[in-house]
Amino acid sequence: MSTGSPGRRGSGLDVDDAIRTLLLVMPRMVGRAKRLGVPEELRSFSLAPRHLSLLAYLLFDGPMSVNELATRLEVAPTTVSLMVSELSRKGILERREDDADRRRKIVSIADEHRAAIDGWLGYGATAWRKALEPLTAEQRQMFVETLAAYEREIAGE
């Protein structure tokens, strides 16, 4: 039944052993991520999980338009526009006109909240970097595609 020990590196796992290991690891990961909590200075803003990816893209990739954010988040531009409006009213995000096209608005994290958001989301990014750097580009791609496939299955797609 079992072709390898889940704790031994390089020993290989059959599908059932991999599932057993992931059923232990995934809830622990989620629990630890939840325990990180929102930094004190951001708690009053009632940030929801839907805000995390948007903030992460702006933090790591810099300012961008609502349409660029919508493409990356795989949601409609109106959804992003509503989130941006909400976070702008709270002072977390700033919107400015695009110098190249005045019809476009560029969204960025407000300077006064950048350090708190970086400290909060940067911790997870650092952990992912340490986990992913030893892998080859192909292994990283497979890992990301596997997580995305799992997420689609859980969502019932």
C-alpha atoms as a PDB file:
ATOM      1  CA  MET A   1       0.000   0.000   0.000  1.00  0.00           C
ATOM      2  CA  SER A   2       2.609   2.596   1.025  1.00  0.00           C
ATOM      3  CA  THR A   3       5.671   3.202  -1.114  1.00  0.00           C
ATOM      4  CA  GLY A   4       7.359   5.725   1.099  1.00  0.00           C
ATOM      5  CA  SER A   5       7.337   7.580   4.372  1.00  0.00           C
ATOM      6  CA  PRO A   6       5.753  11.025   4.221  1.00  0.00           C
ATOM      7  CA  GLY A   7       8.602  12.387   6.304  1.00  0.00           C
ATOM      8  CA  ARG A   8      11.461  11.103   4.147  1.00  0.00           C
ATOM      9  CA  ARG A   9      12.670  13.411   1.421  1.00  0.00           C
ATOM     10  CA  GLY A  10      13.126  11.858  -2.002  1.00  0.00           C
ATOM     11  CA  SER A  11      11.533   8.536  -1.038  1.00  0.00           C
ATOM     12  CA  GLY A  12       8.416   9.153  -3.128  1.00  0.00           C
ATOM     13  CA  LEU A  13       4.814   8.860  -2.111  1.00  0.00           C
ATOM     14  CA  ASP A  14       1.956   6.956  -3.602  1.00  0.00           C
ATOM     15  CA  VAL A  15      -1.245   8.934  -4.138  1.00  0.00           C
ATOM     16  CA  ASP A  16      -2.898   7.766  -0.894  1.00  0.00           C
ATOM     17  CA  ASP A  17       0.159   8.645   1.228  1.00  0.00           C
ATOM     18  CA  ALA A  18       0.368  12.056  -0.438  1.00  0.00           C
ATOM     19  CA  ILE A  19      -3.327  12.666   0.285  1.00  0.00           C
ATOM     20  CA  ARG A  20      -2.923  11.618   3.923  1.00  0.00           C
ATOM     21  CA  THR A  21       0.049  13.957   4.323  1.00  0.00           C
ATOM     22  CA  LEU A  22      -1.736  16.875   2.648  1.00  0.00           C
ATOM     23  CA  LEU A  23      -4.853  16.312   4.758  1.00  0.00           C
ATOM     24  CA  LEU A  24      -2.610  16.891   7.781  1.00  0.00           C
ATOM     25  CA  VAL A  25      -0.527  19.732   6.356  1.00  0.00           C
ATOM     26  CA  MET A  26      -3.212  21.876   4.692  1.00  0.00           C
ATOM     27  CA  PRO A  27      -5.324  22.545   7.816  1.00  0.00           C
ATOM     28  CA  ARG A  28      -2.160  23.370   9.761  1.00  0.00           C
ATOM     29  CA  MET A  29      -1.098  25.823   7.031  1.00  0.00           C
ATOM     30  CA  VAL A  30      -4.497  27.513   7.067  1.00  0.00           C
ATOM     31  CA  GLY A  31      -4.499  27.635  10.864  1.00  0.00           C
ATOM     32  CA  ARG A  32      -1.037  29.181  10.996  1.00  0.00           C
ATOM     33  CA  ALA A  33      -1.938  31.713   8.317  1.00  0.00           C
ATOM     34  CA  LYS A  34      -5.029  32.720  10.298  1.00  0.00           C
ATOM     35  CA  ARG A  35      -2.986  33.063  13.494  1.00  0.00           C
ATOM     36  CA  LEU A  36      -0.706  35.590  11.800  1.00  0.00           C
ATOM     37  CA  GLY A  37      -3.637  37.921  12.080  1.00  0.00           C
ATOM     38  CA  VAL A  38      -4.071  41.403  10.769  1.00  0.00           C
ATOM     39  CA  PRO A  39      -1.564  43.928  12.154  1.00  0.00           C
ATOM     40  CA  GLU A  40      -2.968  46.130  14.929  1.00  0.00           C
ATOM     41  CA  GLU A  41      -2.857  49.283  12.819  1.00  0.00           C
ATOM     42  CA  LEU A  42      -4.954  47.615  10.089  1.00  0.00           C
ATOM     43  CA  ARG A  43      -7.551  45.849  12.274  1.00  0.00           C
ATOM     44  CA  SER A  44     -10.025  48.715  12.318  1.00  0.00           C
ATOM     45  CA  PHE A  45     -10.330  48.505   8.514  1.00  0.00           C
ATOM     46  CA  SER A  46     -12.125  45.121   8.623  1.00  0.00           C
ATOM     47  CA  LEU A  47     -10.017  43.629   5.843  1.00  0.00           C
ATOM     48  CA  ALA A  48     -11.483  40.436   4.405  1.00  0.00           C
ATOM     49  CA  PRO A  49      -9.765  37.524   2.656  1.00  0.00           C
ATOM     50  CA  ARG A  50     -10.867  38.968  -0.703  1.00  0.00           C
ATOM     51  CA  HIS A  51      -8.618  41.966  -0.030  1.00  0.00           C
ATOM     52  CA  LEU A  52      -5.448  39.924   0.537  1.00  0.00           C
ATOM     53  CA  SER A  53      -4.740  38.970  -3.066  1.00  0.00           C
ATOM     54  CA  LEU A  54      -5.428  42.494  -4.270  1.00  0.00           C
ATOM     55  CA  LEU A  55      -3.067  43.945  -1.656  1.00  0.00           C
ATOM     56  CA  ALA A  56      -0.450  41.274  -2.408  1.00  0.00           C
ATOM     57  CA  TYR A  57      -0.413  42.106  -6.128  1.00  0.00           C
ATOM     58  CA  LEU A  58      -0.034  45.806  -5.406  1.00  0.00           C
ATOM     59  CA  LEU A  59       2.657  45.141  -2.818  1.00  0.00           C
ATOM     60  CA  PHE A  60       4.791  42.809  -4.933  1.00  0.00           C
ATOM     61  CA  ASP A  61       4.085  44.074  -8.457  1.00  0.00           C
ATOM     62  CA  GLY A  62       3.564  47.758  -7.754  1.00  0.00           C
ATOM     63  CA  PRO A  63       0.832  50.166  -8.843  1.00  0.00           C
ATOM     64  CA  MET A  64      -1.487  49.056 -11.640  1.00  0.00           C
ATOM     65  CA  SER A  65      -4.861  49.758 -13.205  1.00  0.00           C
ATOM     66  CA  VAL A  66      -8.162  48.241 -12.115  1.00  0.00           C
ATOM     67  CA  ASN A  67      -8.265  46.218 -15.343  1.00  0.00           C
ATOM     68  CA  GLU A  68      -4.770  44.806 -14.702  1.00  0.00           C
ATOM     69  CA  LEU A  69      -5.796  43.850 -11.169  1.00  0.00           C
ATOM     70  CA  ALA A  70      -9.007  42.243 -12.445  1.00  0.00           C
ATOM     71  CA  THR A  71      -7.046  40.153 -14.950  1.00  0.00           C
ATOM     72  CA  ARG A  72      -4.605  38.958 -12.303  1.00  0.00           C
ATOM     73  CA  LEU A  73      -7.347  38.271  -9.747  1.00  0.00           C
ATOM     74  CA  GLU A  74      -9.475  36.538 -12.396  1.00  0.00           C
ATOM     75  CA  VAL A  75     -12.572  38.580 -11.523  1.00  0.00           C
ATOM     76  CA  ALA A  76     -14.610  41.246 -13.276  1.00  0.00           C
ATOM     77  CA  PRO A  77     -13.254  44.818 -13.350  1.00  0.00           C
ATOM     78  CA  THR A  78     -16.416  45.983 -11.557  1.00  0.00           C
ATOM     79  CA  THR A  79     -15.594  43.667  -8.642  1.00  0.00           C
ATOM     80  CA  VAL A  80     -12.087  45.119  -8.372  1.00  0.00           C
ATOM     81  CA  SER A  81     -13.430  48.634  -8.771  1.00  0.00           C
ATOM     82  CA  LEU A  82     -15.763  48.100  -5.800  1.00  0.00           C
ATOM     83  CA  MET A  83     -12.905  46.731  -3.656  1.00  0.00           C
ATOM     84  CA  VAL A  84     -10.615  49.588  -4.687  1.00  0.00           C
ATOM     85  CA  SER A  85     -13.321  52.149  -3.867  1.00  0.00           C
ATOM     86  CA  GLU A  86     -13.883  50.568  -0.461  1.00  0.00           C
ATOM     87  CA  LEU A  87     -10.162  50.449   0.376  1.00  0.00           C
ATOM     88  CA  SER A  88      -9.605  53.957  -0.998  1.00  0.00           C
ATOM     89  CA  ARG A  89     -12.339  55.356   1.265  1.00  0.00           C
ATOM     90  CA  LYS A  90     -10.541  53.720   4.187  1.00  0.00           C
ATOM     91  CA  GLY A  91      -7.238  55.294   3.123  1.00  0.00           C
ATOM     92  CA  ILE A  92      -5.509  51.967   2.451  1.00  0.00           C
ATOM     93  CA  LEU A  93      -5.280  52.498  -1.308  1.00  0.00           C
ATOM     94  CA  GLU A  94      -4.694  55.563  -3.435  1.00  0.00           C
ATOM     95  CA  ARG A  95      -5.933  56.194  -6.975  1.00  0.00           C
ATOM     96  CA  ARG A  96      -4.309  58.595  -9.396  1.00  0.00           C
ATOM     97  CA  GLU A  97      -4.667  59.361 -13.064  1.00  0.00           C
ATOM     98  CA  ASP A  98      -2.378  57.523 -15.445  1.00  0.00           C
ATOM     99  CA  ASP A  99      -0.016  60.065 -17.006  1.00  0.00           C
ATOM    100  CA  ALA A 100      -0.195  58.233 -20.341  1.00  0.00           C
ATOM    101  CA  ASP A 101      -4.015  57.945 -20.396  1.00  0.00           C
ATOM    102  CA  ARG A 102      -6.018  60.268 -18.148  1.00  0.00           C
ATOM    103  CA  ARG A 103      -9.075  58.006 -18.412  1.00  0.00           C
ATOM    104  CA  ARG A 104      -7.207  55.230 -16.581  1.00  0.00           C
ATOM    105  CA  LYS A 105      -6.775  55.205 -12.837  1.00  0.00           C
ATOM    106  CA  ILE A 106      -3.651  53.687 -11.306  1.00  0.00           C
ATOM    107  CA  VAL A 107      -4.102  52.031  -7.925  1.00  0.00           C
ATOM    108  CA  SER A 108      -1.391  51.786  -5.265  1.00  0.00           C
ATOM    109  CA  ILE A 109      -1.021  51.120  -1.555  1.00  0.00           C
ATOM    110  CA  ALA A 110      -1.062  54.305   0.503  1.00  0.00           C
ATOM    111  CA  ASP A 111       2.414  55.095   1.834  1.00  0.00           C
ATOM    112  CA  GLU A 112       1.205  55.285   5.442  1.00  0.00           C
ATOM    113  CA  HIS A 113       0.045  51.624   5.328  1.00  0.00           C
ATOM    114  CA  ARG A 114       2.735  50.094   3.104  1.00  0.00           C
ATOM    115  CA  ALA A 115       5.038  48.993   5.956  1.00  0.00           C
ATOM    116  CA  ALA A 116       2.234  47.279   7.882  1.00  0.00           C
ATOM    117  CA  ILE A 117       0.966  45.483   4.782  1.00  0.00           C
ATOM    118  CA  ASP A 118       4.506  44.489   3.804  1.00  0.00           C
ATOM    119  CA  GLY A 119       5.188  43.082   7.270  1.00  0.00           C
ATOM    120  CA  TRP A 120       1.915  41.183   7.243  1.00  0.00           C
ATOM    121  CA  LEU A 121       1.914  39.744   3.705  1.00  0.00           C
ATOM    122  CA  GLY A 122       5.683  39.676   3.297  1.00  0.00           C
ATOM    123  CA  TYR A 123       6.004  36.974   5.959  1.00  0.00           C
ATOM    124  CA  GLY A 124       3.997  34.522   3.850  1.00  0.00           C
ATOM    125  CA  ALA A 125       5.877  35.505   0.697  1.00  0.00           C
ATOM    126  CA  THR A 126       9.183  34.831   2.450  1.00  0.00           C
ATOM    127  CA  ALA A 127       7.976  31.395   3.540  1.00  0.00           C
ATOM    128  CA  TRP A 128       6.826  30.575  -0.015  1.00  0.00           C
ATOM    129  CA  ARG A 129      10.156  31.796  -1.408  1.00  0.00           C
ATOM    130  CA  LYS A 130      12.101  29.470   0.937  1.00  0.00           C
ATOM    131  CA  ALA A 131       9.857  26.549  -0.002  1.00  0.00           C
ATOM    132  CA  LEU A 132       9.907  27.177  -3.762  1.00  0.00           C
ATOM    133  CA  GLU A 133      13.489  28.322  -4.448  1.00  0.00           C
ATOM    134  CA  PRO A 134      15.045  24.823  -4.197  1.00  0.00           C
ATOM    135  CA  LEU A 135      12.667  23.571  -6.906  1.00  0.00           C
ATOM    136  CA  THR A 136      13.315  23.773 -10.610  1.00  0.00           C
ATOM    137  CA  ALA A 137      11.109  26.072 -12.699  1.00  0.00           C
ATOM    138  CA  GLU A 138       9.242  23.001 -13.957  1.00  0.00           C
ATOM    139  CA  GLN A 139       8.698  21.689 -10.421  1.00  0.00           C
ATOM    140  CA  ARG A 140       7.401  25.099  -9.306  1.00  0.00           C
ATOM    141  CA  GLN A 141       5.028  25.178 -12.251  1.00  0.00           C
ATOM    142  CA  MET A 142       3.760  21.698 -11.421  1.00  0.00           C
ATOM    143  CA  PHE A 143       3.282  22.648  -7.772  1.00  0.00           C
ATOM    144  CA  VAL A 144       1.327  25.801  -8.638  1.00  0.00           C
ATOM    145  CA  GLU A 145      -0.777  23.971 -11.226  1.00  0.00           C
ATOM    146  CA  THR A 146      -1.492  21.200  -8.696  1.00  0.00           C
ATOM    147  CA  LEU A 147      -2.670  23.685  -6.065  1.00  0.00           C
ATOM    148  CA  ALA A 148      -4.821  25.455  -8.662  1.00  0.00           C
ATOM    149  CA  ALA A 149      -6.350  22.117  -9.741  1.00  0.00           C
ATOM    150  CA  TYR A 150      -7.079  21.267  -6.101  1.00  0.00           C
ATOM    151  CA  GLU A 151      -8.724  24.658  -5.583  1.00  0.00           C
ATOM    152  CA  ARG A 152     -10.891  24.136  -8.692  1.00  0.00           C
ATOM    153  CA  GLU A 153     -11.962  20.681  -7.477  1.00  0.00           C
ATOM    154  CA  ILE A 154     -12.823  21.977  -4.005  1.00  0.00           C
ATOM    155  CA  ALA A 155     -14.850  24.762  -5.632  1.00  0.00           C
ATOM    156  CA  GLY A 156     -16.710  22.127  -7.659  1.00  0.00           C
ATOM    157  CA  GLU A 157     -15.613  23.459 -11.049  1.00  0.00           C
END
